[in-house]
C-alpha atoms as a PDB file:
ATOM      1  CA  MET A   1      -2.039 -11.298  22.083  1.00  0.00           C
ATOM      2  CA  ALA A   2      -2.077  -7.516  22.056  1.00  0.00           C
ATOM      3  CA  ALA A   3      -5.723  -7.327  23.066  1.00  0.00           C
ATOM      4  CA  ASP A   4      -4.942  -8.829  26.485  1.00  0.00           C
ATOM      5  CA  HIS A   5      -2.735  -5.906  27.509  1.00  0.00           C
ATOM      6  CA  VAL A   6      -3.533  -2.524  28.962  1.00  0.00           C
ATOM      7  CA  GLN A   7      -2.969   1.030  27.815  1.00  0.00           C
ATOM      8  CA  THR A   8      -1.258   3.744  29.828  1.00  0.00           C
ATOM      9  CA  ALA A   9      -1.087   7.359  28.712  1.00  0.00           C
ATOM     10  CA  SER A  10       2.705   7.449  28.853  1.00  0.00           C
ATOM     11  CA  THR A  11       3.521   4.154  27.137  1.00  0.00           C
ATOM     12  CA  TYR A  12       0.812   2.921  24.800  1.00  0.00           C
ATOM     13  CA  PRO A  13      -0.419   4.519  21.596  1.00  0.00           C
ATOM     14  CA  PRO A  14      -3.634   6.466  22.248  1.00  0.00           C
ATOM     15  CA  ASP A  15      -5.420   4.617  19.444  1.00  0.00           C
ATOM     16  CA  SER A  16      -4.407   1.069  20.317  1.00  0.00           C
ATOM     17  CA  GLY A  17      -7.824   0.317  21.777  1.00  0.00           C
ATOM     18  CA  LEU A  18      -6.457  -1.885  24.556  1.00  0.00           C
ATOM     19  CA  PRO A  19      -8.386  -2.379  27.825  1.00  0.00           C
ATOM     20  CA  GLU A  20      -7.237  -0.901  31.097  1.00  0.00           C
ATOM     21  CA  SER A  21      -6.646  -2.727  34.394  1.00  0.00           C
ATOM     22  CA  ASP A  22      -7.174  -1.549  37.994  1.00  0.00           C
ATOM     23  CA  ASP A  23      -4.705  -4.076  39.466  1.00  0.00           C
ATOM     24  CA  PRO A  24      -1.217  -2.450  39.787  1.00  0.00           C
ATOM     25  CA  ARG A  25       0.567  -5.819  39.673  1.00  0.00           C
ATOM     26  CA  GLY A  26      -1.449  -6.894  36.681  1.00  0.00           C
ATOM     27  CA  ALA A  27      -0.773  -3.536  35.048  1.00  0.00           C
ATOM     28  CA  VAL A  28       3.001  -4.058  35.405  1.00  0.00           C
ATOM     29  CA  LEU A  29       2.785  -7.488  33.817  1.00  0.00           C
ATOM     30  CA  ASP A  30       0.523  -6.166  31.098  1.00  0.00           C
ATOM     31  CA  LYS A  31       2.900  -3.277  30.470  1.00  0.00           C
ATOM     32  CA  ARG A  32       5.802  -5.679  29.996  1.00  0.00           C
ATOM     33  CA  GLY A  33       3.686  -7.816  27.704  1.00  0.00           C
ATOM     34  CA  PHE A  34       2.685  -4.771  25.697  1.00  0.00           C
ATOM     35  CA  GLU A  35       6.306  -3.685  25.363  1.00  0.00           C
ATOM     36  CA  LEU A  36       7.182  -7.173  24.110  1.00  0.00           C
ATOM     37  CA  SER A  37       4.340  -6.925  21.613  1.00  0.00           C
ATOM     38  CA  ALA A  38       5.686  -3.566  20.458  1.00  0.00           C
ATOM     39  CA  ILE A  39       9.163  -5.050  19.919  1.00  0.00           C
ATOM     40  CA  VAL A  40       7.682  -7.928  17.940  1.00  0.00           C
ATOM     41  CA  ALA A  41       5.641  -5.439  15.913  1.00  0.00           C
ATOM     42  CA  TYR A  42       8.700  -3.332  15.064  1.00  0.00           C
ATOM     43  CA  LEU A  43      10.718  -6.383  14.009  1.00  0.00           C
ATOM     44  CA  SER A  44       7.908  -7.940  11.993  1.00  0.00           C
ATOM     45  CA  VAL A  45       7.174  -4.703  10.119  1.00  0.00           C
ATOM     46  CA  ALA A  46      10.894  -4.317   9.383  1.00  0.00           C
ATOM     47  CA  LEU A  47      11.133  -7.866   8.019  1.00  0.00           C
ATOM     48  CA  LEU A  48       8.028  -7.214   5.950  1.00  0.00           C
ATOM     49  CA  GLY A  49       9.616  -4.122   4.442  1.00  0.00           C
ATOM     50  CA  LEU A  50      12.985  -5.770   3.801  1.00  0.00           C
ATOM     51  CA  ASN A  51      11.402  -8.658   1.871  1.00  0.00           C
ATOM     52  CA  LEU A  52      14.779 -10.356   1.466  1.00  0.00           C
ATOM     53  CA  PRO A  53      14.847 -13.630  -0.508  1.00  0.00           C
ATOM     54  CA  LEU A  54      15.434 -16.812   1.483  1.00  0.00           C
ATOM     55  CA  VAL A  55      14.900 -20.290  -0.008  1.00  0.00           C
ATOM     56  CA  PHE A  56      12.335 -21.955  -2.293  1.00  0.00           C
ATOM     57  CA  GLY A  57      10.746 -18.642  -3.226  1.00  0.00           C
ATOM     58  CA  MET A  58      10.238 -17.592   0.380  1.00  0.00           C
ATOM     59  CA  THR A  59      11.225 -14.156   1.644  1.00  0.00           C
ATOM     60  CA  THR A  60      11.480 -12.543   5.053  1.00  0.00           C
ATOM     61  CA  SER A  61       7.976 -11.196   4.418  1.00  0.00           C
ATOM     62  CA  THR A  62       6.531 -14.654   3.826  1.00  0.00           C
ATOM     63  CA  LEU A  63       8.339 -16.072   6.841  1.00  0.00           C
ATOM     64  CA  VAL A  64       7.176 -13.459   9.334  1.00  0.00           C
ATOM     65  CA  VAL A  65       3.612 -13.493   7.985  1.00  0.00           C
ATOM     66  CA  ILE A  66       3.332 -17.273   8.380  1.00  0.00           C
ATOM     67  CA  ALA A  67       5.088 -17.331  11.757  1.00  0.00           C
ATOM     68  CA  LEU A  68       2.740 -14.722  13.240  1.00  0.00           C
ATOM     69  CA  VAL A  69      -0.542 -15.996  11.792  1.00  0.00           C
ATOM     70  CA  PRO A  70      -1.956 -16.793  15.283  1.00  0.00           C
ATOM     71  CA  VAL A  71      -1.161 -13.228  16.334  1.00  0.00           C
ATOM     72  CA  TRP A  72      -2.570 -11.150  13.479  1.00  0.00           C
ATOM     73  CA  ILE A  73      -5.490 -13.290  12.369  1.00  0.00           C
ATOM     74  CA  SER A  74      -7.331 -12.688  15.650  1.00  0.00           C
ATOM     75  CA  THR A  75      -7.376  -8.912  15.055  1.00  0.00           C
ATOM     76  CA  LEU A  76      -8.967  -8.969  11.587  1.00  0.00           C
ATOM     77  CA  SER A  77     -12.519  -8.733  12.906  1.00  0.00           C
ATOM     78  CA  ARG A  78     -11.688  -5.355  14.440  1.00  0.00           C
ATOM     79  CA  PHE A  79     -11.130  -3.758  11.023  1.00  0.00           C
ATOM     80  CA  ARG A  80     -13.775  -3.119   8.388  1.00  0.00           C
ATOM     81  CA  PHE A  81     -13.498  -5.272   5.250  1.00  0.00           C
ATOM     82  CA  ALA A  82     -10.440  -7.156   6.572  1.00  0.00           C
ATOM     83  CA  VAL A  83     -12.253 -10.477   6.969  1.00  0.00           C
ATOM     84  CA  PRO A  84     -14.006 -10.289   3.561  1.00  0.00           C
ATOM     85  CA  ILE A  85     -10.672  -9.536   1.883  1.00  0.00           C
ATOM     86  CA  MET A  86      -9.081 -12.597   3.479  1.00  0.00           C
ATOM     87  CA  VAL A  87     -12.048 -14.785   2.553  1.00  0.00           C
ATOM     88  CA  LEU A  88     -11.952 -13.591  -1.056  1.00  0.00           C
ATOM     89  CA  THR A  89      -8.219 -14.307  -1.138  1.00  0.00           C
ATOM     90  CA  VAL A  90      -8.780 -17.907  -0.056  1.00  0.00           C
ATOM     91  CA  VAL A  91     -11.532 -18.251  -2.667  1.00  0.00           C
ATOM     92  CA  ALA A  92      -9.241 -16.789  -5.339  1.00  0.00           C
ATOM     93  CA  VAL A  93      -6.448 -19.231  -4.497  1.00  0.00           C
ATOM     94  CA  ALA A  94      -8.836 -22.190  -4.500  1.00  0.00           C
ATOM     95  CA  TRP A  95     -10.328 -21.048  -7.804  1.00  0.00           C
ATOM     96  CA  GLY A  96      -6.851 -20.702  -9.285  1.00  0.00           C
ATOM     97  CA  ILE A  97      -5.900 -24.231  -8.249  1.00  0.00           C
ATOM     98  CA  LEU A  98      -9.134 -25.553  -9.760  1.00  0.00           C
ATOM     99  CA  LEU A  99      -8.563 -23.736 -13.054  1.00  0.00           C
ATOM    100  CA  VAL A 100      -4.997 -25.000 -13.276  1.00  0.00           C
ATOM    101  CA  ASN A 101      -6.269 -28.561 -13.064  1.00  0.00           C
ATOM    102  CA  LEU A 102      -9.069 -27.900 -15.555  1.00  0.00           C
ATOM    103  CA  ASN A 103      -6.574 -26.419 -18.024  1.00  0.00           C
ATOM    104  CA  ALA A 104      -3.864 -29.026 -17.530  1.00  0.00           C
ATOM    105  CA  GLU A 105      -3.270 -29.282 -21.288  1.00  0.00           C
ATOM    106  CA  ARG A 106      -1.836 -25.760 -21.269  1.00  0.00           C
ATOM    107  CA  GLY A 107       0.995 -26.801 -18.969  1.00  0.00           C
ATOM    108  CA  PHE A 108       1.909 -25.433 -15.576  1.00  0.00           C
ATOM    109  CA  GLU A 109       5.226 -24.122 -14.293  1.00  0.00           C
ATOM    110  CA  VAL A 110       5.410 -25.361 -10.699  1.00  0.00           C
ATOM    111  CA  ARG A 111       8.163 -22.968  -9.630  1.00  0.00           C
ATOM    112  CA  MET A 112       6.250 -19.951 -10.922  1.00  0.00           C
ATOM    113  CA  GLY A 113       3.126 -21.220  -9.178  1.00  0.00           C
ATOM    114  CA  ILE A 114       4.977 -21.517  -5.876  1.00  0.00           C
ATOM    115  CA  ASP A 115       6.443 -18.033  -6.271  1.00  0.00           C
ATOM    116  CA  ALA A 116       2.996 -16.624  -7.044  1.00  0.00           C
ATOM    117  CA  ALA A 117       1.523 -18.372  -3.997  1.00  0.00           C
ATOM    118  CA  PHE A 118       4.217 -16.990  -1.696  1.00  0.00           C
ATOM    119  CA  LEU A 119       3.747 -13.534  -3.216  1.00  0.00           C
ATOM    120  CA  MET A 120       0.030 -13.637  -2.430  1.00  0.00           C
ATOM    121  CA  ILE A 121       0.704 -14.902   1.086  1.00  0.00           C
ATOM    122  CA  ALA A 122       3.182 -12.093   1.702  1.00  0.00           C
ATOM    123  CA  GLY A 123       0.854  -9.462   0.252  1.00  0.00           C
ATOM    124  CA  ILE A 124      -2.457 -10.383   1.859  1.00  0.00           C
ATOM    125  CA  GLY A 125      -0.878 -11.784   5.021  1.00  0.00           C
ATOM    126  CA  GLY A 126       1.261  -8.660   5.215  1.00  0.00           C
ATOM    127  CA  LEU A 127      -1.930  -6.618   5.285  1.00  0.00           C
ATOM    128  CA  GLY A 128      -3.137  -8.628   8.275  1.00  0.00           C
ATOM    129  CA  LEU A 129       0.222  -8.236   9.984  1.00  0.00           C
ATOM    130  CA  LEU A 130       0.159  -4.464   9.520  1.00  0.00           C
ATOM    131  CA  LEU A 131      -3.369  -4.315  10.915  1.00  0.00           C
ATOM    132  CA  TRP A 132      -2.212  -6.153  14.025  1.00  0.00           C
ATOM    133  CA  ALA A 133       0.773  -3.799  14.341  1.00  0.00           C
ATOM    134  CA  ARG A 134      -1.753  -0.968  14.126  1.00  0.00           C
ATOM    135  CA  THR A 135      -3.210  -2.133  17.464  1.00  0.00           C
ATOM    136  CA  VAL A 136       0.208  -1.930  19.118  1.00  0.00           C
ATOM    137  CA  LEU A 137       2.006   1.005  17.463  1.00  0.00           C
ATOM    138  CA  PRO A 138       1.009   4.422  16.096  1.00  0.00           C
ATOM    139  CA  ILE A 139       0.450   4.428  12.341  1.00  0.00           C
ATOM    140  CA  HIS A 140       3.268   6.863  11.551  1.00  0.00           C
ATOM    141  CA  GLN A 141       5.802   4.651  13.349  1.00  0.00           C
ATOM    142  CA  ILE A 142       4.649   1.603  11.385  1.00  0.00           C
ATOM    143  CA  VAL A 143       5.011   3.496   8.108  1.00  0.00           C
ATOM    144  CA  ILE A 144       8.446   4.872   8.998  1.00  0.00           C
ATOM    145  CA  VAL A 145       9.819   1.462  10.021  1.00  0.00           C
ATOM    146  CA  PHE A 146       8.387  -0.177   6.903  1.00  0.00           C
ATOM    147  CA  GLY A 147       9.698   2.643   4.696  1.00  0.00           C
ATOM    148  CA  ILE A 148      13.226   2.514   6.122  1.00  0.00           C
ATOM    149  CA  ALA A 149      13.364  -1.270   5.752  1.00  0.00           C
ATOM    150  CA  TYR A 150      12.032  -1.004   2.203  1.00  0.00           C
ATOM    151  CA  LEU A 151      14.630   1.663   1.407  1.00  0.00           C
ATOM    152  CA  LEU A 152      17.470  -0.477   2.753  1.00  0.00           C
ATOM    153  CA  SER A 153      16.326  -3.408   0.629  1.00  0.00           C
ATOM    154  CA  VAL A 154      16.517  -1.444  -2.640  1.00  0.00           C
ATOM    155  CA  LEU A 155      19.657   0.620  -2.081  1.00  0.00           C
ATOM    156  CA  SER A 156      21.883  -2.064  -3.586  1.00  0.00           C
ATOM    157  CA  ASP A 157      19.939  -1.804  -6.861  1.00  0.00           C
ATOM    158  CA  VAL A 158      20.329   1.964  -7.191  1.00  0.00           C
ATOM    159  CA  PRO A 159      23.851   2.178  -8.745  1.00  0.00           C
ATOM    160  CA  GLY A 160      22.948   0.120 -11.818  1.00  0.00           C
ATOM    161  CA  SER A 161      19.369   1.315 -12.140  1.00  0.00           C
ATOM    162  CA  GLU A 162      18.064   2.979 -15.286  1.00  0.00           C
ATOM    163  CA  ASN A 163      15.848   5.277 -13.216  1.00  0.00           C
ATOM    164  CA  PRO A 164      16.521   5.042  -9.453  1.00  0.00           C
ATOM    165  CA  TRP A 165      13.681   7.312  -8.354  1.00  0.00           C
ATOM    166  CA  LYS A 166      11.061   5.599 -10.500  1.00  0.00           C
ATOM    167  CA  TYR A 167      12.041   1.994  -9.841  1.00  0.00           C
ATOM    168  CA  GLN A 168      13.639   1.978  -6.381  1.00  0.00           C
ATOM    169  CA  LEU A 169      13.329   5.144  -4.306  1.00  0.00           C
ATOM    170  CA  SER A 170       9.934   6.750  -4.923  1.00  0.00           C
ATOM    171  CA  ILE A 171       7.795   4.502  -2.736  1.00  0.00           C
ATOM    172  CA  PRO A 172      10.016   4.127   0.367  1.00  0.00           C
ATOM    173  CA  VAL A 173      11.090   7.780   0.373  1.00  0.00           C
ATOM    174  CA  SER A 174       7.478   8.911  -0.022  1.00  0.00           C
ATOM    175  CA  LEU A 175       6.360   6.676   2.842  1.00  0.00           C
ATOM    176  CA  ILE A 176       8.997   8.056   5.193  1.00  0.00           C
ATOM    177  CA  VAL A 177       8.525  11.713   4.243  1.00  0.00           C
ATOM    178  CA  LEU A 178       4.732  11.615   4.404  1.00  0.00           C
ATOM    179  CA  ALA A 179       4.744   9.709   7.698  1.00  0.00           C
ATOM    180  CA  VAL A 180       6.908  12.417   9.249  1.00  0.00           C
ATOM    181  CA  ALA A 181       4.819  15.203   7.687  1.00  0.00           C
ATOM    182  CA  SER A 182       1.612  13.643   8.998  1.00  0.00           C
ATOM    183  CA  GLN A 183       2.630  14.433  12.573  1.00  0.00           C
ATOM    184  CA  SER A 184       2.017  18.126  12.008  1.00  0.00           C
ATOM    185  CA  ARG A 185      -1.434  19.430  12.856  1.00  0.00           C
ATOM    186  CA  ARG A 186      -1.245  21.725   9.841  1.00  0.00           C
ATOM    187  CA  ALA A 187      -1.981  20.620   6.297  1.00  0.00           C
ATOM    188  CA  TRP A 188       0.864  22.359   4.512  1.00  0.00           C
ATOM    189  CA  PRO A 189       3.721  19.944   5.424  1.00  0.00           C
ATOM    190  CA  THR A 190       1.848  17.029   3.855  1.00  0.00           C
ATOM    191  CA  LEU A 191       0.709  19.038   0.826  1.00  0.00           C
ATOM    192  CA  VAL A 192       4.181  20.480   0.227  1.00  0.00           C
ATOM    193  CA  SER A 193       5.701  17.000   0.540  1.00  0.00           C
ATOM    194  CA  LEU A 194       3.213  15.611  -1.982  1.00  0.00           C
ATOM    195  CA  GLY A 195       3.938  18.524  -4.318  1.00  0.00           C
ATOM    196  CA  VAL A 196       7.708  18.042  -4.183  1.00  0.00           C
ATOM    197  CA  ILE A 197       7.405  14.276  -4.636  1.00  0.00           C
ATOM    198  CA  GLY A 198       5.000  14.803  -7.542  1.00  0.00           C
ATOM    199  CA  LEU A 199       7.271  17.276  -9.321  1.00  0.00           C
ATOM    200  CA  LEU A 200      10.269  15.009  -8.797  1.00  0.00           C
ATOM    201  CA  SER A 201       8.257  12.164 -10.301  1.00  0.00           C
ATOM    202  CA  ILE A 202       7.399  14.243 -13.366  1.00  0.00           C
ATOM    203  CA  ALA A 203      11.066  15.154 -13.783  1.00  0.00           C
ATOM    204  CA  THR A 204      12.081  11.479 -13.673  1.00  0.00           C
ATOM    205  CA  ASN A 205       9.466  10.097 -16.087  1.00  0.00           C
ATOM    206  CA  SER A 206       7.204   8.736 -13.373  1.00  0.00           C
ATOM    207  CA  ARG A 207       3.942  10.361 -14.417  1.00  0.00           C
ATOM    208  CA  SER A 208       1.762   7.683 -12.836  1.00  0.00           C
ATOM    209  CA  PHE A 209       3.337   8.365  -9.438  1.00  0.00           C
ATOM    210  CA  PHE A 210       2.653  12.048 -10.006  1.00  0.00           C
ATOM    211  CA  GLY A 211      -0.984  11.064 -10.467  1.00  0.00           C
ATOM    212  CA  PHE A 212      -0.893   9.138  -7.193  1.00  0.00           C
ATOM    213  CA  CYS A 213       0.409  12.259  -5.455  1.00  0.00           C
ATOM    214  CA  LEU A 214      -2.460  14.334  -6.866  1.00  0.00           C
ATOM    215  CA  LEU A 215      -4.973  11.711  -5.782  1.00  0.00           C
ATOM    216  CA  ALA A 216      -3.415  11.545  -2.314  1.00  0.00           C
ATOM    217  CA  ALA A 217      -3.633  15.338  -1.998  1.00  0.00           C
ATOM    218  CA  VAL A 218      -7.331  15.326  -2.929  1.00  0.00           C
ATOM    219  CA  MET A 219      -8.129  12.522  -0.489  1.00  0.00           C
ATOM    220  CA  TYR A 220      -6.101  14.174   2.266  1.00  0.00           C
ATOM    221  CA  LEU A 221      -7.912  17.498   1.897  1.00  0.00           C
ATOM    222  CA  TRP A 222     -11.265  15.732   1.804  1.00  0.00           C
ATOM    223  CA  GLN A 223     -10.384  13.797   4.952  1.00  0.00           C
ATOM    224  CA  ARG A 224      -9.485  17.001   6.778  1.00  0.00           C
ATOM    225  CA  ARG A 225     -12.726  18.595   5.612  1.00  0.00           C
ATOM    226  CA  SER A 226     -14.704  15.627   6.949  1.00  0.00           C
ATOM    227  CA  ARG A 227     -13.084  15.947  10.359  1.00  0.00           C
ATOM    228  CA  ARG A 228     -14.062  19.604  10.669  1.00  0.00           C
ATOM    229  CA  THR A 229     -17.763  19.171   9.979  1.00  0.00           C
ATOM    230  CA  ASP A 230     -20.399  17.050  11.656  1.00  0.00           C
ATOM    231  CA  LYS A 231     -22.781  17.307   8.707  1.00  0.00           C
ATOM    232  CA  PRO A 232     -22.769  14.018   6.774  1.00  0.00           C
ATOM    233  CA  MET A 233     -22.818  14.041   2.979  1.00  0.00           C
ATOM    234  CA  ASN A 234     -24.496  11.641   0.614  1.00  0.00           C
ATOM    235  CA  LYS A 235     -22.007   8.928  -0.336  1.00  0.00           C
ATOM    236  CA  LEU A 236     -22.962   9.062  -4.007  1.00  0.00           C
ATOM    237  CA  LEU A 237     -22.424  12.810  -3.977  1.00  0.00           C
ATOM    238  CA  VAL A 238     -19.003  12.329  -2.407  1.00  0.00           C
ATOM    239  CA  VAL A 239     -18.008   9.788  -5.057  1.00  0.00           C
ATOM    240  CA  GLY A 240     -19.322  12.076  -7.788  1.00  0.00           C
ATOM    241  CA  LEU A 241     -17.415  15.098  -6.501  1.00  0.00           C
ATOM    242  CA  ILE A 242     -14.174  13.157  -6.173  1.00  0.00           C
ATOM    243  CA  GLY A 243     -14.690  11.778  -9.687  1.00  0.00           C
ATOM    244  CA  LEU A 244     -15.178  15.273 -11.088  1.00  0.00           C
ATOM    245  CA  VAL A 245     -12.070  16.548  -9.326  1.00  0.00           C
ATOM    246  CA  LEU A 246      -9.986  13.642 -10.614  1.00  0.00           C
ATOM    247  CA  ALA A 247     -11.315  14.108 -14.152  1.00  0.00           C
ATOM    248  CA  ALA A 248     -10.423  17.792 -14.022  1.00  0.00           C
ATOM    249  CA  MET A 249      -6.965  16.976 -12.681  1.00  0.00           C
ATOM    250  CA  TYR A 250      -6.461  14.368 -15.416  1.00  0.00           C
ATOM    251  CA  SER A 251      -7.463  16.873 -18.091  1.00  0.00           C
ATOM    252  CA  LEU A 252      -5.213  19.558 -16.631  1.00  0.00           C
ATOM    253  CA  GLY A 253      -2.290  17.152 -16.257  1.00  0.00           C
ATOM    254  CA  THR A 254      -2.653  15.907 -19.827  1.00  0.00           C
ATOM    255  CA  SER A 255      -2.729  19.475 -21.116  1.00  0.00           C
ATOM    256  CA  LEU A 256       0.366  20.436 -19.140  1.00  0.00           C
ATOM    257  CA  LEU A 257       2.256  17.346 -20.281  1.00  0.00           C
ATOM    258  CA  ALA A 258       1.255  17.635 -23.929  1.00  0.00           C
ATOM    259  CA  GLY A 259       1.959  21.361 -23.905  1.00  0.00           C
ATOM    260  CA  GLY A 260       5.531  20.855 -22.731  1.00  0.00           C
ATOM    261  CA  TYR A 261       5.085  22.712 -19.453  1.00  0.00           C
ATOM    262  CA  LEU A 262       6.530  19.763 -17.518  1.00  0.00           C
ATOM    263  CA  GLY A 263       9.546  19.129 -19.729  1.00  0.00           C
ATOM    264  CA  GLU A 264      10.298  18.202 -23.328  1.00  0.00           C
ATOM    265  CA  ASP A 265      10.882  14.510 -22.597  1.00  0.00           C
ATOM    266  CA  ALA A 266       7.527  14.198 -20.862  1.00  0.00           C
ATOM    267  CA  GLN A 267       5.905  16.078 -23.731  1.00  0.00           C
ATOM    268  CA  GLU A 268       7.320  13.729 -26.374  1.00  0.00           C
ATOM    269  CA  ARG A 269       6.227  10.599 -24.513  1.00  0.00           C
ATOM    270  CA  THR A 270       2.783  12.010 -23.786  1.00  0.00           C
ATOM    271  CA  VAL A 271       2.111  13.053 -27.383  1.00  0.00           C
ATOM    272  CA  ALA A 272       3.322   9.677 -28.690  1.00  0.00           C
ATOM    273  CA  GLN A 273       1.107   7.760 -26.260  1.00  0.00           C
ATOM    274  CA  ILE A 274      -1.939   9.876 -27.081  1.00  0.00           C
ATOM    275  CA  GLN A 275      -1.364   9.260 -30.788  1.00  0.00           C
ATOM    276  CA  ASP A 276      -1.001   5.502 -30.215  1.00  0.00           C
ATOM    277  CA  GLY A 277      -3.950   4.972 -27.878  1.00  0.00           C
ATOM    278  CA  GLY A 278      -6.194   7.965 -28.432  1.00  0.00           C
ATOM    279  CA  THR A 279      -5.888   9.000 -24.782  1.00  0.00           C
ATOM    280  CA  LEU A 280      -3.038   9.201 -22.314  1.00  0.00           C
ATOM    281  CA  LEU A 281      -4.456   6.332 -20.254  1.00  0.00           C
ATOM    282  CA  ALA A 282      -4.915   4.045 -23.250  1.00  0.00           C
ATOM    283  CA  GLY A 283      -1.480   4.811 -24.648  1.00  0.00           C
ATOM    284  CA  GLY A 284       0.355   4.799 -21.335  1.00  0.00           C
ATOM    285  CA  ARG A 285      -1.283   1.680 -19.901  1.00  0.00           C
ATOM    286  CA  PRO A 286      -2.001  -0.701 -22.805  1.00  0.00           C
ATOM    287  CA  GLU A 287      -1.915  -3.662 -20.393  1.00  0.00           C
ATOM    288  CA  TRP A 288      -5.216  -2.493 -18.886  1.00  0.00           C
ATOM    289  CA  PHE A 289      -7.027  -2.884 -22.170  1.00  0.00           C
ATOM    290  CA  ALA A 290      -5.190  -6.091 -23.027  1.00  0.00           C
ATOM    291  CA  THR A 291      -6.356  -7.526 -19.707  1.00  0.00           C
ATOM    292  CA  THR A 292      -9.988  -6.551 -20.244  1.00  0.00           C
ATOM    293  CA  ALA A 293      -9.895  -8.000 -23.766  1.00  0.00           C
ATOM    294  CA  LEU A 294      -8.464 -11.267 -22.449  1.00  0.00           C
ATOM    295  CA  MET A 295     -11.092 -11.404 -19.706  1.00  0.00           C
ATOM    296  CA  ALA A 296     -13.837 -10.885 -22.276  1.00  0.00           C
ATOM    297  CA  GLU A 297     -12.531 -13.765 -24.402  1.00  0.00           C
ATOM    298  CA  TYR A 298     -11.670 -16.103 -21.496  1.00  0.00           C
ATOM    299  CA  PRO A 299     -13.929 -15.041 -18.589  1.00  0.00           C
ATOM    300  CA  MET A 300     -13.092 -18.152 -16.523  1.00  0.00           C
ATOM    301  CA  GLY A 301      -9.372 -17.423 -16.582  1.00  0.00           C
ATOM    302  CA  PHE A 302      -6.484 -19.899 -16.637  1.00  0.00           C
ATOM    303  CA  GLY A 303      -5.629 -20.295 -12.948  1.00  0.00           C
END
């Protein structure tokens, strides 16, 4: 749909990758078609972010993803790894259905299965939808629209929430703030935004989100470094360097938390989790190790 339209410097995003036309009449029609595509993209991204429940486990995300399958599926081949991800998703769903039938004696909750299926459709299909929107709109606009819609969908849960920042506000607010900051040619707006969000996360017992902010800062700086140099680096060396940086950041963060430099509450939780699991990761995320243990005992899964 979007690939049939043209790009003009004043109307279309510079990175949409759409072909140009030399026919003025055709250009007018294509311009109108592109504007319609942009409207559809805005609305679909908003519905994806709202994710409001409808009927039978469906949400606005599921509905818009299914309705626009003919639109977004044709753009997958233009993005690296998009097609393999979709293929693996289909294989995973088929494998799950097979395992459910092979393990029928364990019982199967149909409603939960339907909800899980719709959740996967919304998640993976939503990725395809966002990739299509990427061909029509600038990335920062997509993120802002999605973030605002996401924020509106969780506002009603804030008054009764145990921790509003951790459970409702952190992701949508971060998306909006970082999308706006990304429009600056300088690095400091993005880095300052990540720093403020990270510190706020520490103050509200959201240490994992603080870790995400640190990781995002490292990746952002590395991306800017890559743009400024034409000299390619060995991929294994890049992975090794990033791993070393993350390990150093993890060690520093653990020391700061355990030492009480980031608050007494964070210190108490960190020390308790280290004592329980031996490390902060093991104590703070026991489900990771429970999952690996279950996979080792039942490698085929349950469906």
